[in-house]
C-alpha atoms as a PDB file:
ATOM      1  CA  MET A   1       4.929   1.835 -33.311  1.00  0.00           C
ATOM      2  CA  SER A   2       6.170   5.463 -34.745  1.00  0.00           C
ATOM      3  CA  ALA A   3       4.472   7.857 -36.627  1.00  0.00           C
ATOM      4  CA  ARG A   4       5.896  11.335 -37.993  1.00  0.00           C
ATOM      5  CA  LEU A   5       4.979  13.559 -40.150  1.00  0.00           C
ATOM      6  CA  GLN A   6       7.260  15.232 -42.744  1.00  0.00           C
ATOM      7  CA  ILE A   7       6.041  18.169 -45.156  1.00  0.00           C
ATOM      8  CA  ALA A   8       8.405  20.930 -47.243  1.00  0.00           C
ATOM      9  CA  GLY A   9       6.827  23.154 -49.895  1.00  0.00           C
ATOM     10  CA  GLN A  10       4.374  25.621 -50.738  1.00  0.00           C
ATOM     11  CA  LEU A  11       0.584  26.533 -51.765  1.00  0.00           C
ATOM     12  CA  VAL A  12      -0.406  29.733 -53.220  1.00  0.00           C
ATOM     13  CA  ARG A  13      -3.068  31.196 -54.418  1.00  0.00           C
ATOM     14  CA  ASP A  14      -5.499  34.308 -54.710  1.00  0.00           C
ATOM     15  CA  GLY A  15      -3.069  36.031 -52.675  1.00  0.00           C
ATOM     16  CA  PHE A  16      -2.861  33.612 -49.890  1.00  0.00           C
ATOM     17  CA  SER A  17       0.396  31.427 -49.711  1.00  0.00           C
ATOM     18  CA  VAL A  18       1.061  28.848 -47.314  1.00  0.00           C
ATOM     19  CA  GLU A  19       4.596  27.899 -47.006  1.00  0.00           C
ATOM     20  CA  LEU A  20       5.751  24.214 -45.017  1.00  0.00           C
ATOM     21  CA  SER A  21       9.042  22.762 -43.788  1.00  0.00           C
ATOM     22  CA  LEU A  22       7.639  20.411 -41.237  1.00  0.00           C
ATOM     23  CA  ASP A  23       9.250  17.322 -39.378  1.00  0.00           C
ATOM     24  CA  VAL A  24       6.968  16.430 -36.343  1.00  0.00           C
ATOM     25  CA  ASP A  25       6.510  13.394 -33.578  1.00  0.00           C
ATOM     26  CA  LEU A  26       2.912  12.071 -34.090  1.00  0.00           C
ATOM     27  CA  SER A  27       3.181   9.107 -31.618  1.00  0.00           C
ATOM     28  CA  GLU A  28       1.178  11.722 -29.644  1.00  0.00           C
ATOM     29  CA  PRO A  29      -1.576  13.863 -30.412  1.00  0.00           C
ATOM     30  CA  LEU A  30      -0.537  17.129 -31.962  1.00  0.00           C
ATOM     31  CA  GLY A  31      -2.451  19.833 -32.079  1.00  0.00           C
ATOM     32  CA  VAL A  32      -2.528  23.508 -34.253  1.00  0.00           C
ATOM     33  CA  LEU A  33      -3.666  26.681 -32.968  1.00  0.00           C
ATOM     34  CA  GLY A  34      -3.486  30.059 -34.856  1.00  0.00           C
ATOM     35  CA  PRO A  35      -5.923  33.253 -35.534  1.00  0.00           C
ATOM     36  CA  THR A  36      -8.031  32.927 -38.355  1.00  0.00           C
ATOM     37  CA  GLY A  37      -6.659  32.762 -41.618  1.00  0.00           C
ATOM     38  CA  ALA A  38      -3.380  31.390 -40.527  1.00  0.00           C
ATOM     39  CA  GLY A  39      -3.432  28.127 -42.394  1.00  0.00           C
ATOM     40  CA  LYS A  40      -4.199  25.798 -40.348  1.00  0.00           C
ATOM     41  CA  THR A  41      -7.210  24.148 -42.100  1.00  0.00           C
ATOM     42  CA  THR A  42      -5.391  24.702 -45.559  1.00  0.00           C
ATOM     43  CA  LEU A  43      -3.027  22.876 -43.560  1.00  0.00           C
ATOM     44  CA  LEU A  44      -5.236  19.888 -42.943  1.00  0.00           C
ATOM     45  CA  ARG A  45      -6.097  19.955 -46.599  1.00  0.00           C
ATOM     46  CA  ILE A  46      -2.676  19.220 -47.895  1.00  0.00           C
ATOM     47  CA  ILE A  47      -1.506  16.596 -45.384  1.00  0.00           C
ATOM     48  CA  ALA A  48      -5.648  15.016 -46.748  1.00  0.00           C
ATOM     49  CA  GLY A  49      -4.042  15.545 -50.319  1.00  0.00           C
ATOM     50  CA  LEU A  50      -7.027  18.134 -51.272  1.00  0.00           C
ATOM     51  CA  GLU A  51      -4.798  20.973 -52.104  1.00  0.00           C
ATOM     52  CA  PRO A  52      -4.200  20.147 -55.604  1.00  0.00           C
ATOM     53  CA  ASP A  53      -2.028  23.678 -55.854  1.00  0.00           C
ATOM     54  CA  PHE A  54       0.172  22.646 -53.208  1.00  0.00           C
ATOM     55  CA  ARG A  55       3.659  22.108 -54.477  1.00  0.00           C
ATOM     56  CA  GLY A  56       6.113  20.077 -52.727  1.00  0.00           C
ATOM     57  CA  ARG A  57       6.468  16.599 -50.608  1.00  0.00           C
ATOM     58  CA  VAL A  58       4.541  15.003 -47.763  1.00  0.00           C
ATOM     59  CA  GLU A  59       5.900  11.956 -46.088  1.00  0.00           C
ATOM     60  CA  VAL A  60       4.099  10.307 -43.332  1.00  0.00           C
ATOM     61  CA  THR A  61       5.462   7.200 -41.514  1.00  0.00           C
ATOM     62  CA  LEU A  62       2.280   5.222 -39.886  1.00  0.00           C
ATOM     63  CA  ASP A  63       2.346   1.875 -37.946  1.00  0.00           C
ATOM     64  CA  GLY A  64       6.037   1.666 -38.736  1.00  0.00           C
ATOM     65  CA  HIS A  65       5.546   2.220 -42.164  1.00  0.00           C
ATOM     66  CA  ARG A  66       6.957   4.966 -44.532  1.00  0.00           C
ATOM     67  CA  HIS A  67       4.824   6.350 -47.083  1.00  0.00           C
ATOM     68  CA  ILE A  68       5.142   8.945 -49.664  1.00  0.00           C
ATOM     69  CA  TRP A  69       2.162  10.961 -50.200  1.00  0.00           C
ATOM     70  CA  ALA A  70       3.214  13.584 -52.612  1.00  0.00           C
ATOM     71  CA  GLU A  71       6.453  14.007 -54.496  1.00  0.00           C
ATOM     72  CA  LEU A  72       5.533  16.454 -57.000  1.00  0.00           C
ATOM     73  CA  ASP A  73       8.971  17.589 -58.197  1.00  0.00           C
ATOM     74  CA  GLN A  74       8.094  13.762 -59.802  1.00  0.00           C
ATOM     75  CA  GLY A  75       4.977  14.323 -60.587  1.00  0.00           C
ATOM     76  CA  GLU A  76       3.928  11.840 -57.571  1.00  0.00           C
ATOM     77  CA  ARG A  77       0.603  12.321 -55.576  1.00  0.00           C
ATOM     78  CA  VAL A  78      -1.311   9.385 -54.192  1.00  0.00           C
ATOM     79  CA  PRO A  79      -4.985   9.790 -54.486  1.00  0.00           C
ATOM     80  CA  VAL A  80      -6.815  11.148 -51.259  1.00  0.00           C
ATOM     81  CA  HIS A  81      -8.673   7.570 -51.127  1.00  0.00           C
ATOM     82  CA  ARG A  82      -5.696   5.343 -50.438  1.00  0.00           C
ATOM     83  CA  ARG A  83      -4.315   7.724 -47.809  1.00  0.00           C
ATOM     84  CA  GLY A  84      -6.619   6.325 -45.287  1.00  0.00           C
ATOM     85  CA  VAL A  85      -7.100   9.665 -43.787  1.00  0.00           C
ATOM     86  CA  GLY A  86      -9.793  10.349 -41.588  1.00  0.00           C
ATOM     87  CA  VAL A  87     -11.335  14.459 -41.928  1.00  0.00           C
ATOM     88  CA  VAL A  88     -13.893  15.986 -39.762  1.00  0.00           C
ATOM     89  CA  PHE A  89     -14.047  19.930 -40.476  1.00  0.00           C
ATOM     90  CA  GLN A  90     -15.972  22.282 -38.983  1.00  0.00           C
ATOM     91  CA  ASP A  91     -18.862  22.287 -41.308  1.00  0.00           C
ATOM     92  CA  SER A  92     -19.493  18.770 -40.988  1.00  0.00           C
ATOM     93  CA  ARG A  93     -19.764  17.863 -44.587  1.00  0.00           C
ATOM     94  CA  LEU A  94     -22.403  15.091 -44.175  1.00  0.00           C
ATOM     95  CA  LEU A  95     -23.634  13.470 -47.263  1.00  0.00           C
ATOM     96  CA  PRO A  96     -26.824  15.213 -47.601  1.00  0.00           C
ATOM     97  CA  GLY A  97     -30.603  13.758 -48.058  1.00  0.00           C
ATOM     98  CA  ARG A  98     -29.536  10.666 -45.984  1.00  0.00           C
ATOM     99  CA  THR A  99     -30.014   9.669 -42.662  1.00  0.00           C
ATOM    100  CA  VAL A 100     -27.643   9.527 -39.910  1.00  0.00           C
ATOM    101  CA  ARG A 101     -27.745   5.848 -40.042  1.00  0.00           C
ATOM    102  CA  ALA A 102     -26.921   5.921 -43.752  1.00  0.00           C
ATOM    103  CA  ASN A 103     -24.026   8.163 -43.107  1.00  0.00           C
ATOM    104  CA  LEU A 104     -22.430   6.160 -40.823  1.00  0.00           C
ATOM    105  CA  ASP A 105     -23.223   2.735 -42.885  1.00  0.00           C
ATOM    106  CA  TYR A 106     -21.586   4.310 -45.143  1.00  0.00           C
ATOM    107  CA  ALA A 107     -18.481   4.981 -43.478  1.00  0.00           C
ATOM    108  CA  MET A 108     -18.152   1.215 -42.382  1.00  0.00           C
ATOM    109  CA  GLN A 109     -18.436   0.226 -45.557  1.00  0.00           C
ATOM    110  CA  ARG A 110     -15.439   2.269 -46.755  1.00  0.00           C
ATOM    111  CA  ALA A 111     -13.687   0.969 -43.259  1.00  0.00           C
ATOM    112  CA  ARG A 112     -10.450  -0.613 -43.833  1.00  0.00           C
ATOM    113  CA  ALA A 113     -11.883  -3.708 -41.549  1.00  0.00           C
ATOM    114  CA  VAL A 114     -15.096  -4.912 -40.337  1.00  0.00           C
ATOM    115  CA  SER A 115     -16.698  -3.001 -37.978  1.00  0.00           C
ATOM    116  CA  SER A 116     -18.888  -4.758 -34.912  1.00  0.00           C
ATOM    117  CA  GLY A 117     -22.170  -3.516 -34.832  1.00  0.00           C
ATOM    118  CA  HIS A 118     -21.509  -3.416 -30.933  1.00  0.00           C
ATOM    119  CA  GLU A 119     -18.590  -0.588 -31.798  1.00  0.00           C
ATOM    120  CA  MET A 120     -20.930   1.249 -33.573  1.00  0.00           C
ATOM    121  CA  ASP A 121     -23.868   1.267 -31.044  1.00  0.00           C
ATOM    122  CA  HIS A 122     -21.327   2.447 -28.103  1.00  0.00           C
ATOM    123  CA  MET A 123     -20.219   5.107 -30.177  1.00  0.00           C
ATOM    124  CA  VAL A 124     -24.059   6.615 -30.870  1.00  0.00           C
ATOM    125  CA  ARG A 125     -24.327   6.295 -27.269  1.00  0.00           C
ATOM    126  CA  ALA A 126     -21.123   8.017 -26.051  1.00  0.00           C
ATOM    127  CA  LEU A 127     -21.383  11.223 -29.137  1.00  0.00           C
ATOM    128  CA  ALA A 128     -24.847  11.356 -28.054  1.00  0.00           C
ATOM    129  CA  ILE A 129     -26.394  10.606 -31.313  1.00  0.00           C
ATOM    130  CA  GLU A 130     -28.087   7.402 -30.825  1.00  0.00           C
ATOM    131  CA  PRO A 131     -31.465   9.224 -30.688  1.00  0.00           C
ATOM    132  CA  LEU A 132     -30.894  10.745 -34.234  1.00  0.00           C
ATOM    133  CA  LEU A 133     -30.164   7.896 -36.215  1.00  0.00           C
ATOM    134  CA  ALA A 134     -33.325   7.954 -38.194  1.00  0.00           C
ATOM    135  CA  GLN A 135     -33.468  11.678 -38.603  1.00  0.00           C
ATOM    136  CA  GLN A 136     -32.224  13.151 -42.206  1.00  0.00           C
ATOM    137  CA  VAL A 137     -29.108  15.007 -41.816  1.00  0.00           C
ATOM    138  CA  ALA A 138     -30.107  18.573 -42.902  1.00  0.00           C
ATOM    139  CA  VAL A 139     -32.360  18.652 -39.477  1.00  0.00           C
ATOM    140  CA  LEU A 140     -29.562  18.563 -36.867  1.00  0.00           C
ATOM    141  CA  SER A 141     -28.384  21.400 -35.297  1.00  0.00           C
ATOM    142  CA  GLY A 142     -24.998  22.252 -35.545  1.00  0.00           C
ATOM    143  CA  GLY A 143     -23.223  20.647 -33.035  1.00  0.00           C
ATOM    144  CA  GLU A 144     -25.097  17.558 -33.723  1.00  0.00           C
ATOM    145  CA  ARG A 145     -23.590  17.341 -37.533  1.00  0.00           C
ATOM    146  CA  GLN A 146     -20.370  17.780 -35.848  1.00  0.00           C
ATOM    147  CA  ARG A 147     -20.907  14.580 -33.132  1.00  0.00           C
ATOM    148  CA  VAL A 148     -22.080  12.954 -36.134  1.00  0.00           C
ATOM    149  CA  ALA A 149     -19.025  13.619 -38.420  1.00  0.00           C
ATOM    150  CA  ILE A 150     -16.718  12.508 -35.644  1.00  0.00           C
ATOM    151  CA  ALA A 151     -18.786   9.086 -35.739  1.00  0.00           C
ATOM    152  CA  ARG A 152     -18.410   8.897 -39.167  1.00  0.00           C
ATOM    153  CA  ALA A 153     -14.534   9.634 -39.151  1.00  0.00           C
ATOM    154  CA  LEU A 154     -13.895   7.156 -36.296  1.00  0.00           C
ATOM    155  CA  LEU A 155     -16.262   4.535 -37.760  1.00  0.00           C
ATOM    156  CA  SER A 156     -14.185   4.582 -41.035  1.00  0.00           C
ATOM    157  CA  GLN A 157     -11.050   3.425 -39.015  1.00  0.00           C
ATOM    158  CA  PRO A 158      -8.459   6.160 -40.833  1.00  0.00           C
ATOM    159  CA  ARG A 159      -4.597   5.530 -40.645  1.00  0.00           C
ATOM    160  CA  LEU A 160      -4.345   9.303 -39.798  1.00  0.00           C
ATOM    161  CA  LEU A 161      -6.934  11.240 -38.219  1.00  0.00           C
ATOM    162  CA  LEU A 162      -7.306  15.009 -38.771  1.00  0.00           C
ATOM    163  CA  MET A 163      -9.721  17.332 -37.131  1.00  0.00           C
ATOM    164  CA  ASP A 164     -10.721  20.748 -37.651  1.00  0.00           C
ATOM    165  CA  GLU A 165     -12.569  22.796 -34.773  1.00  0.00           C
ATOM    166  CA  PRO A 166     -14.627  19.584 -34.424  1.00  0.00           C
ATOM    167  CA  LEU A 167     -16.523  20.569 -31.695  1.00  0.00           C
ATOM    168  CA  ALA A 168     -16.966  24.439 -32.437  1.00  0.00           C
ATOM    169  CA  ALA A 169     -20.781  24.242 -32.413  1.00  0.00           C
ATOM    170  CA  ASN A 170     -21.158  21.971 -29.429  1.00  0.00           C
ATOM    171  CA  ASP A 171     -21.781  23.483 -25.648  1.00  0.00           C
ATOM    172  CA  ASN A 172     -19.228  22.671 -22.906  1.00  0.00           C
ATOM    173  CA  ALA A 173     -20.886  19.594 -21.566  1.00  0.00           C
ATOM    174  CA  HIS A 174     -20.968  18.175 -24.811  1.00  0.00           C
ATOM    175  CA  ARG A 175     -17.548  19.063 -25.658  1.00  0.00           C
ATOM    176  CA  GLN A 176     -16.130  17.789 -22.351  1.00  0.00           C
ATOM    177  CA  GLU A 177     -17.850  14.405 -22.865  1.00  0.00           C
ATOM    178  CA  VAL A 178     -16.514  14.301 -26.387  1.00  0.00           C
ATOM    179  CA  ILE A 179     -13.247  14.928 -25.698  1.00  0.00           C
ATOM    180  CA  ALA A 180     -12.960  12.425 -22.853  1.00  0.00           C
ATOM    181  CA  PHE A 181     -14.398   9.464 -25.750  1.00  0.00           C
ATOM    182  CA  LEU A 182     -12.159  10.526 -28.311  1.00  0.00           C
ATOM    183  CA  LEU A 183      -9.096  10.753 -26.050  1.00  0.00           C
ATOM    184  CA  ALA A 184      -9.873   6.978 -25.121  1.00  0.00           C
ATOM    185  CA  TRP A 185     -10.700   6.087 -29.254  1.00  0.00           C
ATOM    186  CA  ARG A 186      -7.448   6.857 -30.067  1.00  0.00           C
ATOM    187  CA  GLU A 187      -5.537   5.216 -27.242  1.00  0.00           C
ATOM    188  CA  GLN A 188      -7.386   2.159 -27.824  1.00  0.00           C
ATOM    189  CA  HIS A 189      -6.750   2.703 -31.463  1.00  0.00           C
ATOM    190  CA  ARG A 190      -3.030   4.338 -31.509  1.00  0.00           C
ATOM    191  CA  THR A 191      -4.679   6.625 -34.938  1.00  0.00           C
ATOM    192  CA  PRO A 192      -2.276   9.755 -35.012  1.00  0.00           C
ATOM    193  CA  LEU A 193      -4.397  12.559 -34.456  1.00  0.00           C
ATOM    194  CA  ILE A 194      -4.073  16.201 -35.325  1.00  0.00           C
ATOM    195  CA  TYR A 195      -6.361  18.696 -33.677  1.00  0.00           C
ATOM    196  CA  VAL A 196      -6.943  22.260 -35.009  1.00  0.00           C
ATOM    197  CA  SER A 197      -8.813  24.603 -32.506  1.00  0.00           C
ATOM    198  CA  HIS A 198      -9.155  28.507 -31.595  1.00  0.00           C
ATOM    199  CA  SER A 199      -9.718  26.432 -27.733  1.00  0.00           C
ATOM    200  CA  VAL A 200      -6.355  26.674 -25.877  1.00  0.00           C
ATOM    201  CA  ARG A 201      -8.268  25.124 -23.138  1.00  0.00           C
ATOM    202  CA  GLU A 202      -9.516  22.333 -25.511  1.00  0.00           C
ATOM    203  CA  LEU A 203      -5.720  21.832 -27.307  1.00  0.00           C
ATOM    204  CA  ILE A 204      -4.536  21.345 -23.606  1.00  0.00           C
ATOM    205  CA  ARG A 205      -6.497  18.383 -23.039  1.00  0.00           C
ATOM    206  CA  VAL A 206      -6.737  16.613 -26.304  1.00  0.00           C
ATOM    207  CA  ALA A 207      -2.673  17.540 -27.309  1.00  0.00           C
ATOM    208  CA  PRO A 208       0.123  17.431 -25.595  1.00  0.00           C
ATOM    209  CA  ARG A 209       2.196  19.700 -28.331  1.00  0.00           C
ATOM    210  CA  CYS A 210       1.255  21.728 -30.730  1.00  0.00           C
ATOM    211  CA  LEU A 211       1.805  24.206 -33.749  1.00  0.00           C
ATOM    212  CA  ALA A 212       0.935  27.507 -33.808  1.00  0.00           C
ATOM    213  CA  MET A 213       0.377  29.284 -37.181  1.00  0.00           C
ATOM    214  CA  GLN A 214       0.422  32.526 -38.360  1.00  0.00           C
ATOM    215  CA  HIS A 215       0.475  34.164 -42.104  1.00  0.00           C
ATOM    216  CA  GLY A 216       1.288  30.576 -43.608  1.00  0.00           C
ATOM    217  CA  GLN A 217       3.783  29.849 -41.865  1.00  0.00           C
ATOM    218  CA  VAL A 218       4.346  27.468 -38.735  1.00  0.00           C
ATOM    219  CA  ILE A 219       5.760  30.222 -36.234  1.00  0.00           C
ATOM    220  CA  ALA A 220       5.940  28.284 -32.867  1.00  0.00           C
ATOM    221  CA  GLU A 221       6.372  24.841 -31.573  1.00  0.00           C
ATOM    222  CA  GLY A 222       6.060  22.465 -28.536  1.00  0.00           C
ATOM    223  CA  LYS A 223       4.043  21.836 -25.538  1.00  0.00           C
ATOM    224  CA  THR A 224       0.935  23.162 -25.937  1.00  0.00           C
ATOM    225  CA  ALA A 225       0.855  24.292 -22.213  1.00  0.00           C
ATOM    226  CA  ASP A 226       3.770  26.677 -22.949  1.00  0.00           C
ATOM    227  CA  ILE A 227       2.425  28.187 -26.478  1.00  0.00           C
ATOM    228  CA  ALA A 228      -0.430  28.932 -24.604  1.00  0.00           C
ATOM    229  CA  ARG A 229       1.126  30.245 -21.380  1.00  0.00           C
ATOM    230  CA  SER A 230       3.282  32.883 -23.884  1.00  0.00           C
ATOM    231  CA  GLY A 231      -0.206  33.970 -25.651  1.00  0.00           C
ATOM    232  CA  VAL A 232      -1.528  35.163 -22.181  1.00  0.00           C
ATOM    233  CA  LYS A 233       1.605  38.234 -23.083  1.00  0.00           C
ATOM    234  CA  GLY A 234       0.435  38.973 -26.431  1.00  0.00           C
ATOM    235  CA  SER A 235       1.913  36.997 -28.743  1.00  0.00           C
ATOM    236  CA  GLU A 236       0.285  36.280 -32.448  1.00  0.00           C
ATOM    237  CA  ALA A 237       0.271  32.874 -30.879  1.00  0.00           C
ATOM    238  CA  GLY A 238      -2.354  34.082 -27.945  1.00  0.00           C
ATOM    239  CA  VAL A 239      -4.375  35.342 -30.225  1.00  0.00           C
ATOM    240  CA  ALA A 240      -6.889  31.748 -29.669  1.00  0.00           C
ATOM    241  CA  GLY A 241      -6.571  32.191 -25.748  1.00  0.00           C
ATOM    242  CA  LEU A 242      -7.645  35.838 -26.249  1.00  0.00           C
ATOM    243  CA  GLU A 243     -10.763  34.191 -27.943  1.00  0.00           C
ATOM    244  CA  GLU A 244     -11.197  31.447 -25.459  1.00  0.00           C
ATOM    245  CA  ALA A 245     -10.840  33.741 -22.342  1.00  0.00           C
ATOM    246  CA  ARG A 246     -13.745  35.979 -23.972  1.00  0.00           C
ATOM    247  CA  GLN A 247     -16.051  33.287 -24.486  1.00  0.00           C
ATOM    248  CA  THR A 248     -15.421  31.354 -20.790  1.00  0.00           C
ATOM    249  CA  ALA A 249     -14.359  34.211 -18.690  1.00  0.00           C
ATOM    250  CA  THR A 250     -16.300  37.549 -16.926  1.00  0.00           C
ATOM    251  CA  VAL A 251     -14.961  40.637 -17.803  1.00  0.00           C
ATOM    252  CA  VAL A 252     -13.995  42.760 -14.675  1.00  0.00           C
ATOM    253  CA  SER A 253     -12.122  45.375 -16.435  1.00  0.00           C
ATOM    254  CA  ALA A 254     -11.358  46.618 -19.682  1.00  0.00           C
ATOM    255  CA  ASP A 255      -8.791  49.475 -20.133  1.00  0.00           C
ATOM    256  CA  ALA A 256      -9.054  51.266 -23.452  1.00  0.00           C
ATOM    257  CA  GLU A 257      -5.284  53.138 -22.671  1.00  0.00           C
ATOM    258  CA  THR A 258      -3.514  50.570 -21.757  1.00  0.00           C
ATOM    259  CA  GLY A 259      -5.219  47.314 -23.736  1.00  0.00           C
ATOM    260  CA  ILE A 260      -5.438  45.568 -20.421  1.00  0.00           C
ATOM    261  CA  VAL A 261      -8.615  43.480 -20.167  1.00  0.00           C
ATOM    262  CA  THR A 262      -9.266  41.822 -16.711  1.00  0.00           C
ATOM    263  CA  LEU A 263     -11.562  38.319 -16.900  1.00  0.00           C
ATOM    264  CA  GLN A 264     -12.705  36.109 -13.886  1.00  0.00           C
ATOM    265  CA  VAL A 265     -11.972  32.810 -14.054  1.00  0.00           C
ATOM    266  CA  GLN A 266     -14.809  30.381 -14.241  1.00  0.00           C
ATOM    267  CA  PRO A 267     -14.878  27.279 -12.328  1.00  0.00           C
ATOM    268  CA  GLU A 268     -14.449  24.920 -15.348  1.00  0.00           C
ATOM    269  CA  ASP A 269     -11.253  27.172 -16.684  1.00  0.00           C
ATOM    270  CA  LYS A 270      -9.473  25.716 -13.302  1.00  0.00           C
ATOM    271  CA  ASP A 271      -8.281  22.589 -14.370  1.00  0.00           C
ATOM    272  CA  SER A 272      -6.612  23.768 -17.778  1.00  0.00           C
ATOM    273  CA  LEU A 273      -5.073  27.048 -16.531  1.00  0.00           C
ATOM    274  CA  GLU A 274      -1.689  26.948 -14.145  1.00  0.00           C
ATOM    275  CA  GLN A 275      -1.244  27.659 -11.320  1.00  0.00           C
ATOM    276  CA  LEU A 276      -4.525  29.650 -11.208  1.00  0.00           C
ATOM    277  CA  SER A 277      -7.304  29.307  -8.425  1.00  0.00           C
ATOM    278  CA  VAL A 278     -10.967  29.709  -8.725  1.00  0.00           C
ATOM    279  CA  GLY A 279     -11.515  33.402  -8.028  1.00  0.00           C
ATOM    280  CA  ASP A 280      -8.322  34.727  -9.270  1.00  0.00           C
ATOM    281  CA  GLN A 281      -8.608  37.390 -12.568  1.00  0.00           C
ATOM    282  CA  LEU A 282      -6.819  36.722 -15.253  1.00  0.00           C
ATOM    283  CA  VAL A 283      -4.899  39.949 -16.726  1.00  0.00           C
ATOM    284  CA  PHE A 284      -3.874  39.625 -20.706  1.00  0.00           C
ATOM    285  CA  GLU A 285      -1.450  42.291 -21.718  1.00  0.00           C
ATOM    286  CA  THR A 286      -2.641  43.121 -25.067  1.00  0.00           C
ATOM    287  CA  ASP A 287      -4.373  45.200 -27.375  1.00  0.00           C
ATOM    288  CA  TYR A 288      -7.738  43.461 -27.414  1.00  0.00           C
ATOM    289  CA  SER A 289      -8.973  45.830 -30.063  1.00  0.00           C
ATOM    290  CA  ALA A 290      -6.712  44.717 -32.581  1.00  0.00           C
ATOM    291  CA  PHE A 291      -8.687  41.816 -32.714  1.00  0.00           C
ATOM    292  CA  GLY A 292     -12.090  43.482 -33.134  1.00  0.00           C
ATOM    293  CA  LEU A 293     -13.293  42.846 -29.341  1.00  0.00           C
ATOM    294  CA  GLY A 294     -14.474  46.322 -27.647  1.00  0.00           C
ATOM    295  CA  ALA A 295     -15.386  46.995 -24.301  1.00  0.00           C
ATOM    296  CA  PRO A 296     -16.309  45.746 -22.389  1.00  0.00           C
ATOM    297  CA  LEU A 297     -16.544  42.343 -23.469  1.00  0.00           C
ATOM    298  CA  GLN A 298     -19.500  39.853 -22.931  1.00  0.00           C
ATOM    299  CA  PRO A 299     -19.318  36.069 -22.894  1.00  0.00           C
ATOM    300  CA  GLU A 300     -20.528  34.462 -26.175  1.00  0.00           C
ATOM    301  CA  PRO A 301     -23.920  33.316 -26.906  1.00  0.00           C
ATOM    302  CA  GLY A 302     -24.937  30.078 -26.009  1.00  0.00           C
ATOM    303  CA  GLU A 303     -23.900  27.452 -28.710  1.00  0.00           C
ATOM    304  CA  ASP A 304     -25.319  23.860 -30.074  1.00  0.00           C
ATOM    305  CA  GLU A 305     -28.404  26.078 -30.589  1.00  0.00           C
ATOM    306  CA  ARG A 306     -30.662  25.067 -34.064  1.00  0.00           C
ATOM    307  CA  GLU A 307     -29.839  27.186 -36.683  1.00  0.00           C
ATOM    308  CA  SER A 308     -32.698  29.156 -38.418  1.00  0.00           C
ATOM    309  CA  ASP A 309     -33.228  29.575 -41.989  1.00  0.00           C
END
């Protein structure tokens, strides 16, 4: 079935603005990348109906049917709960004071159709949250909360799935397992997916095409690999790529005068970086200092650690 998203309008609030003119195909997963503050989360919130200050039109085609979710010139706006959108935010936003199982049961009660217990059992095992079902969400680590949030969104059987840095708090092993499960689930259910991530490697695996955002506007649209490759040359769309290399590569040298940072590729990067072999070096021709990256750079600390008060 065809799936499409069209948005035209703007949001202006507290010195921040987003101006959108989009007409994108959602028959395949769509990625969104860009630096912090580019408007990526706001875009998802506009689609979900969570931004009352947005002035404009939101139209979607899902399962071959056209829906107008916002037409503010005529004062029309479809409420959030009637859009059937599943949203996974970076901070998970689980129901407080409840167990993991209670959060998942709540999603199943609100699902568009009856979900089987078998589907839930398979999902909790695939997302490695089965041992957590009886725990209160307050005691979970950041990575665990995100995986519970993903399960909750999928169990609600959304018509459109919006994911905003859904795996940022997970380690690499969990990321790979969850992405594999997510892609298989999406293929089975054919649910349109919009996926926001700073990780170019993650986006290349999840979404064949992506949008690059900067200063509240979409500055590029195309194949994810092409946009990621253009970022290696230091374009604004490539800031996420630089951040990803900072996390997953070892610095060989950093020249403060030329702004060239040379990094050693780790084995797990090989599949997502074209025309490279393990042991090659990446040279990012950009002023890394402009993004607050001092020399020498160091790999990020381990993720998915328990949070401390």
